Amino acid sequence: MAQHCCEMMRSNVENSCDAHKERFDCPDCLIHYSADWDRYGLIIHDGGSSTITISYCPWCNTKLPNGLD
């Protein structure tokens, strides 16, 4: 389990709901963390599983890991 930069990031990465089977289908899930790539991204709610990589935490402005380069 990754150590996230702040409580808001942890809360958003771990957010899930009972109404949606997948996090990418839930409009309340905003952030995805890929442990395989050590990368954070904003979820694009277009019916797929795409994200836009982010470099800084939107809540505490901590620089985030930019993946396994």
PDB file of N, CA and C in Angstrom:
ATOM      1  N   MET A   1       0.844  -1.186   0.000  1.00  0.00           N
ATOM      2  CA  MET A   1       0.000   0.000   0.000  1.00  0.00           C
ATOM      3  C   MET A   1       0.885   1.244   0.000  1.00  0.00           C
ATOM      4  N   ALA A   2       0.593   2.143  -0.879  1.00  0.00           N
ATOM      5  CA  ALA A   2       1.380   3.374  -1.014  1.00  0.00           C
ATOM      6  C   ALA A   2       1.104   4.318   0.153  1.00  0.00           C
ATOM      7  N   GLN A   3       2.118   5.081   0.510  1.00  0.00           N
ATOM      8  CA  GLN A   3       1.973   6.132   1.504  1.00  0.00           C
ATOM      9  C   GLN A   3       1.644   7.411   0.733  1.00  0.00           C
ATOM     10  N   HIS A   4       0.416   7.874   0.814  1.00  0.00           N
ATOM     11  CA  HIS A   4      -0.008   9.053   0.061  1.00  0.00           C
ATOM     12  C   HIS A   4       0.397  10.326   0.802  1.00  0.00           C
ATOM     13  N   CYS A   5       0.470  11.423   0.068  1.00  0.00           N
ATOM     14  CA  CYS A   5       1.019  12.674   0.589  1.00  0.00           C
ATOM     15  C   CYS A   5       0.153  13.348   1.652  1.00  0.00           C
ATOM     16  N   CYS A   6      -1.157  13.139   1.618  1.00  0.00           N
ATOM     17  CA  CYS A   6      -2.044  13.774   2.592  1.00  0.00           C
ATOM     18  C   CYS A   6      -3.322  12.957   2.737  1.00  0.00           C
ATOM     19  N   GLU A   7      -4.096  13.279   3.731  1.00  0.00           N
ATOM     20  CA  GLU A   7      -5.329  12.545   4.006  1.00  0.00           C
ATOM     21  C   GLU A   7      -6.341  12.692   2.866  1.00  0.00           C
ATOM     22  N   MET A   8      -6.430  13.876   2.268  1.00  0.00           N
ATOM     23  CA  MET A   8      -7.362  14.070   1.149  1.00  0.00           C
ATOM     24  C   MET A   8      -6.984  13.195  -0.040  1.00  0.00           C
ATOM     25  N   MET A   9      -5.697  13.076  -0.335  1.00  0.00           N
ATOM     26  CA  MET A   9      -5.254  12.218  -1.431  1.00  0.00           C
ATOM     27  C   MET A   9      -5.595  10.764  -1.107  1.00  0.00           C
ATOM     28  N   ARG A  10      -5.268  10.323   0.095  1.00  0.00           N
ATOM     29  CA  ARG A  10      -5.577   8.952   0.491  1.00  0.00           C
ATOM     30  C   ARG A  10      -7.066   8.686   0.368  1.00  0.00           C
ATOM     31  N   SER A  11      -7.875   9.585   0.871  1.00  0.00           N
ATOM     32  CA  SER A  11      -9.329   9.435   0.828  1.00  0.00           C
ATOM     33  C   SER A  11      -9.841   9.323  -0.607  1.00  0.00           C
ATOM     34  N   ASN A  12      -9.309  10.139  -1.497  1.00  0.00           N
ATOM     35  CA  ASN A  12      -9.757  10.112  -2.893  1.00  0.00           C
ATOM     36  C   ASN A  12      -9.258   8.879  -3.643  1.00  0.00           C
ATOM     37  N   VAL A  13      -8.045   8.438  -3.373  1.00  0.00           N
ATOM     38  CA  VAL A  13      -7.505   7.258  -4.045  1.00  0.00           C
ATOM     39  C   VAL A  13      -8.255   5.998  -3.597  1.00  0.00           C
ATOM     40  N   GLU A  14      -8.670   5.964  -2.336  1.00  0.00           N
ATOM     41  CA  GLU A  14      -9.345   4.789  -1.793  1.00  0.00           C
ATOM     42  C   GLU A  14     -10.860   4.863  -1.903  1.00  0.00           C
ATOM     43  N   ASN A  15     -11.396   5.967  -2.418  1.00  0.00           N
ATOM     44  CA  ASN A  15     -12.843   6.153  -2.525  1.00  0.00           C
ATOM     45  C   ASN A  15     -13.477   5.087  -3.413  1.00  0.00           C
ATOM     46  N   SER A  16     -14.597   4.541  -2.962  1.00  0.00           N
ATOM     47  CA  SER A  16     -15.395   3.616  -3.769  1.00  0.00           C
ATOM     48  C   SER A  16     -16.849   3.804  -3.355  1.00  0.00           C
ATOM     49  N   CYS A  17     -17.752   3.294  -4.176  1.00  0.00           N
ATOM     50  CA  CYS A  17     -19.164   3.422  -3.818  1.00  0.00           C
ATOM     51  C   CYS A  17     -19.892   2.111  -4.101  1.00  0.00           C
ATOM     52  N   ASP A  18     -21.050   1.963  -3.497  1.00  0.00           N
ATOM     53  CA  ASP A  18     -21.844   0.746  -3.655  1.00  0.00           C
ATOM     54  C   ASP A  18     -22.610   0.713  -4.977  1.00  0.00           C
ATOM     55  N   ALA A  19     -22.788   1.868  -5.600  1.00  0.00           N
ATOM     56  CA  ALA A  19     -23.603   1.949  -6.813  1.00  0.00           C
ATOM     57  C   ALA A  19     -22.842   1.578  -8.085  1.00  0.00           C
ATOM     58  N   HIS A  20     -21.504   1.604  -8.028  1.00  0.00           N
ATOM     59  CA  HIS A  20     -20.701   1.340  -9.221  1.00  0.00           C
ATOM     60  C   HIS A  20     -19.711   0.222  -8.948  1.00  0.00           C
ATOM     61  N   LYS A  21     -19.669  -0.743  -9.846  1.00  0.00           N
ATOM     62  CA  LYS A  21     -18.770  -1.886  -9.693  1.00  0.00           C
ATOM     63  C   LYS A  21     -17.313  -1.463  -9.829  1.00  0.00           C
ATOM     64  N   GLU A  22     -17.011  -0.580 -10.755  1.00  0.00           N
ATOM     65  CA  GLU A  22     -15.663  -0.107 -11.013  1.00  0.00           C
ATOM     66  C   GLU A  22     -15.521   1.357 -10.607  1.00  0.00           C
ATOM     67  N   ARG A  23     -14.365   1.723 -10.074  1.00  0.00           N
ATOM     68  CA  ARG A  23     -14.104   3.114  -9.685  1.00  0.00           C
ATOM     69  C   ARG A  23     -14.186   4.052 -10.885  1.00  0.00           C
ATOM     70  N   PHE A  24     -13.789   3.574 -12.067  1.00  0.00           N
ATOM     71  CA  PHE A  24     -13.792   4.426 -13.262  1.00  0.00           C
ATOM     72  C   PHE A  24     -15.206   4.757 -13.734  1.00  0.00           C
ATOM     73  N   ASP A  25     -16.203   4.039 -13.243  1.00  0.00           N
ATOM     74  CA  ASP A  25     -17.599   4.314 -13.595  1.00  0.00           C
ATOM     75  C   ASP A  25     -18.251   5.300 -12.633  1.00  0.00           C
ATOM     76  N   CYS A  26     -17.646   5.538 -11.496  1.00  0.00           N
ATOM     77  CA  CYS A  26     -18.239   6.379 -10.456  1.00  0.00           C
ATOM     78  C   CYS A  26     -17.812   7.837 -10.619  1.00  0.00           C
ATOM     79  N   PRO A  27     -18.767   8.754 -10.772  1.00  0.00           N
ATOM     80  CA  PRO A  27     -18.411  10.163 -10.933  1.00  0.00           C
ATOM     81  C   PRO A  27     -17.816  10.790  -9.670  1.00  0.00           C
ATOM     82  N   ASP A  28     -17.936  10.117  -8.526  1.00  0.00           N
ATOM     83  CA  ASP A  28     -17.358  10.635  -7.286  1.00  0.00           C
ATOM     84  C   ASP A  28     -15.895  10.235  -7.106  1.00  0.00           C
ATOM     85  N   CYS A  29     -15.402   9.298  -7.904  1.00  0.00           N
ATOM     86  CA  CYS A  29     -13.994   8.888  -7.858  1.00  0.00           C
ATOM     87  C   CYS A  29     -13.215   9.771  -8.820  1.00  0.00           C
ATOM     88  N   LEU A  30     -12.291  10.537  -8.288  1.00  0.00           N
ATOM     89  CA  LEU A  30     -11.584  11.538  -9.097  1.00  0.00           C
ATOM     90  C   LEU A  30     -10.137  11.197  -9.387  1.00  0.00           C
ATOM     91  N   ILE A  31      -9.464  10.512  -8.446  1.00  0.00           N
ATOM     92  CA  ILE A  31      -8.030  10.255  -8.550  1.00  0.00           C
ATOM     93  C   ILE A  31      -7.777   8.754  -8.600  1.00  0.00           C
ATOM     94  N   HIS A  32      -6.863   8.359  -9.464  1.00  0.00           N
ATOM     95  CA  HIS A  32      -6.441   6.959  -9.538  1.00  0.00           C
ATOM     96  C   HIS A  32      -4.950   6.899  -9.246  1.00  0.00           C
ATOM     97  N   TYR A  33      -4.553   5.917  -8.438  1.00  0.00           N
ATOM     98  CA  TYR A  33      -3.135   5.681  -8.193  1.00  0.00           C
ATOM     99  C   TYR A  33      -2.766   4.336  -8.790  1.00  0.00           C
ATOM    100  N   SER A  34      -1.774   4.308  -9.662  1.00  0.00           N
ATOM    101  CA  SER A  34      -1.278   3.081 -10.255  1.00  0.00           C
ATOM    102  C   SER A  34      -0.017   2.663  -9.503  1.00  0.00           C
ATOM    103  N   ALA A  35      -0.135   1.610  -8.699  1.00  0.00           N
ATOM    104  CA  ALA A  35       1.023   1.108  -7.961  1.00  0.00           C
ATOM    105  C   ALA A  35       2.061   0.522  -8.912  1.00  0.00           C
ATOM    106  N   ASP A  36       1.602  -0.068 -10.017  1.00  0.00           N
ATOM    107  CA  ASP A  36       2.527  -0.643 -10.997  1.00  0.00           C
ATOM    108  C   ASP A  36       3.451   0.416 -11.595  1.00  0.00           C
ATOM    109  N   TRP A  37       2.921   1.597 -11.822  1.00  0.00           N
ATOM    110  CA  TRP A  37       3.687   2.685 -12.445  1.00  0.00           C
ATOM    111  C   TRP A  37       4.098   3.768 -11.453  1.00  0.00           C
ATOM    112  N   ASP A  38       3.635   3.662 -10.188  1.00  0.00           N
ATOM    113  CA  ASP A  38       3.896   4.677  -9.166  1.00  0.00           C
ATOM    114  C   ASP A  38       3.543   6.062  -9.697  1.00  0.00           C
ATOM    115  N   ARG A  39       2.272   6.191 -10.115  1.00  0.00           N
ATOM    116  CA  ARG A  39       1.812   7.399 -10.799  1.00  0.00           C
ATOM    117  C   ARG A  39       0.372   7.702 -10.379  1.00  0.00           C
ATOM    118  N   TYR A  40       0.068   8.992 -10.228  1.00  0.00           N
ATOM    119  CA  TYR A  40      -1.287   9.454  -9.911  1.00  0.00           C
ATOM    120  C   TYR A  40      -1.898  10.087 -11.159  1.00  0.00           C
ATOM    121  N   GLY A  41      -3.214   9.973 -11.275  1.00  0.00           N
ATOM    122  CA  GLY A  41      -3.873  10.592 -12.415  1.00  0.00           C
ATOM    123  C   GLY A  41      -5.312  10.963 -12.120  1.00  0.00           C
ATOM    124  N   LEU A  42      -5.802  11.962 -12.839  1.00  0.00           N
ATOM    125  CA  LEU A  42      -7.218  12.329 -12.794  1.00  0.00           C
ATOM    126  C   LEU A  42      -7.977  11.358 -13.685  1.00  0.00           C
ATOM    127  N   ILE A  43      -9.057  10.797 -13.166  1.00  0.00           N
ATOM    128  CA  ILE A  43      -9.861   9.852 -13.939  1.00  0.00           C
ATOM    129  C   ILE A  43     -10.673  10.612 -14.982  1.00  0.00           C
ATOM    130  N   ILE A  44     -10.610  10.143 -16.224  1.00  0.00           N
ATOM    131  CA  ILE A  44     -11.411  10.705 -17.309  1.00  0.00           C
ATOM    132  C   ILE A  44     -12.684   9.858 -17.394  1.00  0.00           C
ATOM    133  N   HIS A  45     -13.799  10.466 -17.070  1.00  0.00           N
ATOM    134  CA  HIS A  45     -15.078   9.737 -17.032  1.00  0.00           C
ATOM    135  C   HIS A  45     -15.724   9.718 -18.420  1.00  0.00           C
ATOM    136  N   ASP A  46     -15.168   8.883 -19.295  1.00  0.00           N
ATOM    137  CA  ASP A  46     -15.691   8.776 -20.655  1.00  0.00           C
ATOM    138  C   ASP A  46     -16.111   7.353 -21.001  1.00  0.00           C
ATOM    139  N   GLY A  47     -16.260   6.510 -19.975  1.00  0.00           N
ATOM    140  CA  GLY A  47     -16.663   5.133 -20.208  1.00  0.00           C
ATOM    141  C   GLY A  47     -15.498   4.164 -20.269  1.00  0.00           C
ATOM    142  N   GLY A  48     -14.278   4.671 -20.229  1.00  0.00           N
ATOM    143  CA  GLY A  48     -13.088   3.818 -20.278  1.00  0.00           C
ATOM    144  C   GLY A  48     -12.332   3.873 -18.971  1.00  0.00           C
ATOM    145  N   SER A  49     -11.045   3.593 -19.045  1.00  0.00           N
ATOM    146  CA  SER A  49     -10.215   3.612 -17.832  1.00  0.00           C
ATOM    147  C   SER A  49      -8.997   4.521 -18.024  1.00  0.00           C
ATOM    148  N   SER A  50      -9.198   5.634 -18.698  1.00  0.00           N
ATOM    149  CA  SER A  50      -8.109   6.579 -18.962  1.00  0.00           C
ATOM    150  C   SER A  50      -7.925   7.551 -17.808  1.00  0.00           C
ATOM    151  N   THR A  51      -6.686   8.018 -17.661  1.00  0.00           N
ATOM    152  CA  THR A  51      -6.364   9.050 -16.683  1.00  0.00           C
ATOM    153  C   THR A  51      -5.426  10.070 -17.319  1.00  0.00           C
ATOM    154  N   ILE A  52      -5.360  11.224 -16.685  1.00  0.00           N
ATOM    155  CA  ILE A  52      -4.382  12.239 -17.044  1.00  0.00           C
ATOM    156  C   ILE A  52      -3.419  12.328 -15.873  1.00  0.00           C
ATOM    157  N   THR A  53      -2.143  12.033 -16.117  1.00  0.00           N
ATOM    158  CA  THR A  53      -1.140  12.042 -15.052  1.00  0.00           C
ATOM    159  C   THR A  53      -1.022  13.434 -14.453  1.00  0.00           C
ATOM    160  N   ILE A  54      -0.938  13.483 -13.116  1.00  0.00           N
ATOM    161  CA  ILE A  54      -0.746  14.752 -12.417  1.00  0.00           C
ATOM    162  C   ILE A  54       0.603  14.719 -11.709  1.00  0.00           C
ATOM    163  N   SER A  55       1.236  15.869 -11.594  1.00  0.00           N
ATOM    164  CA  SER A  55       2.560  15.977 -10.995  1.00  0.00           C
ATOM    165  C   SER A  55       2.541  16.495  -9.565  1.00  0.00           C
ATOM    166  N   TYR A  56       1.450  17.177  -9.185  1.00  0.00           N
ATOM    167  CA  TYR A  56       1.331  17.748  -7.848  1.00  0.00           C
ATOM    168  C   TYR A  56      -0.028  17.407  -7.259  1.00  0.00           C
ATOM    169  N   CYS A  57      -0.063  17.221  -5.954  1.00  0.00           N
ATOM    170  CA  CYS A  57      -1.319  16.944  -5.259  1.00  0.00           C
ATOM    171  C   CYS A  57      -2.225  18.170  -5.346  1.00  0.00           C
ATOM    172  N   PRO A  58      -3.491  17.984  -5.739  1.00  0.00           N
ATOM    173  CA  PRO A  58      -4.406  19.120  -5.841  1.00  0.00           C
ATOM    174  C   PRO A  58      -4.794  19.711  -4.483  1.00  0.00           C
ATOM    175  N   TRP A  59      -4.531  19.012  -3.377  1.00  0.00           N
ATOM    176  CA  TRP A  59      -4.923  19.480  -2.055  1.00  0.00           C
ATOM    177  C   TRP A  59      -3.763  20.064  -1.265  1.00  0.00           C
ATOM    178  N   CYS A  60      -2.589  19.413  -1.266  1.00  0.00           N
ATOM    179  CA  CYS A  60      -1.480  19.901  -0.441  1.00  0.00           C
ATOM    180  C   CYS A  60      -0.286  20.383  -1.264  1.00  0.00           C
ATOM    181  N   ASN A  61      -0.361  20.271  -2.580  1.00  0.00           N
ATOM    182  CA  ASN A  61       0.656  20.750  -3.517  1.00  0.00           C
ATOM    183  C   ASN A  61       1.998  20.020  -3.407  1.00  0.00           C
ATOM    184  N   THR A  62       1.987  18.818  -2.827  1.00  0.00           N
ATOM    185  CA  THR A  62       3.208  18.015  -2.759  1.00  0.00           C
ATOM    186  C   THR A  62       3.537  17.481  -4.141  1.00  0.00           C
ATOM    187  N   LYS A  63       4.817  17.509  -4.504  1.00  0.00           N
ATOM    188  CA  LYS A  63       5.243  16.921  -5.782  1.00  0.00           C
ATOM    189  C   LYS A  63       5.036  15.421  -5.709  1.00  0.00           C
ATOM    190  N   LEU A  64       4.365  14.870  -6.709  1.00  0.00           N
ATOM    191  CA  LEU A  64       4.050  13.440  -6.753  1.00  0.00           C
ATOM    192  C   LEU A  64       5.082  12.695  -7.568  1.00  0.00           C
ATOM    193  N   PRO A  65       5.218  11.386  -7.322  1.00  0.00           N
ATOM    194  CA  PRO A  65       6.151  10.604  -8.132  1.00  0.00           C
ATOM    195  C   PRO A  65       5.700  10.618  -9.587  1.00  0.00           C
ATOM    196  N   ASN A  66       6.653  10.656 -10.510  1.00  0.00           N
ATOM    197  CA  ASN A  66       6.287  10.697 -11.933  1.00  0.00           C
ATOM    198  C   ASN A  66       6.492   9.349 -12.605  1.00  0.00           C
ATOM    199  N   GLY A  67       6.304   8.303 -11.848  1.00  0.00           N
ATOM    200  CA  GLY A  67       6.302   6.968 -12.443  1.00  0.00           C
ATOM    201  C   GLY A  67       7.672   6.343 -12.524  1.00  0.00           C
ATOM    202  N   LEU A  68       7.678   5.149 -12.995  1.00  0.00           N
ATOM    203  CA  LEU A  68       8.902   4.381 -13.144  1.00  0.00           C
ATOM    204  C   LEU A  68       9.512   4.704 -14.492  1.00  0.00           C
ATOM    205  N   ASP A  69      10.359   5.714 -14.526  1.00  0.00           N
ATOM    206  CA  ASP A  69      10.975   6.161 -15.783  1.00  0.00           C
ATOM    207  C   ASP A  69      12.093   5.238 -16.206  1.00  0.00           C
TER     208      ASP A  69
END
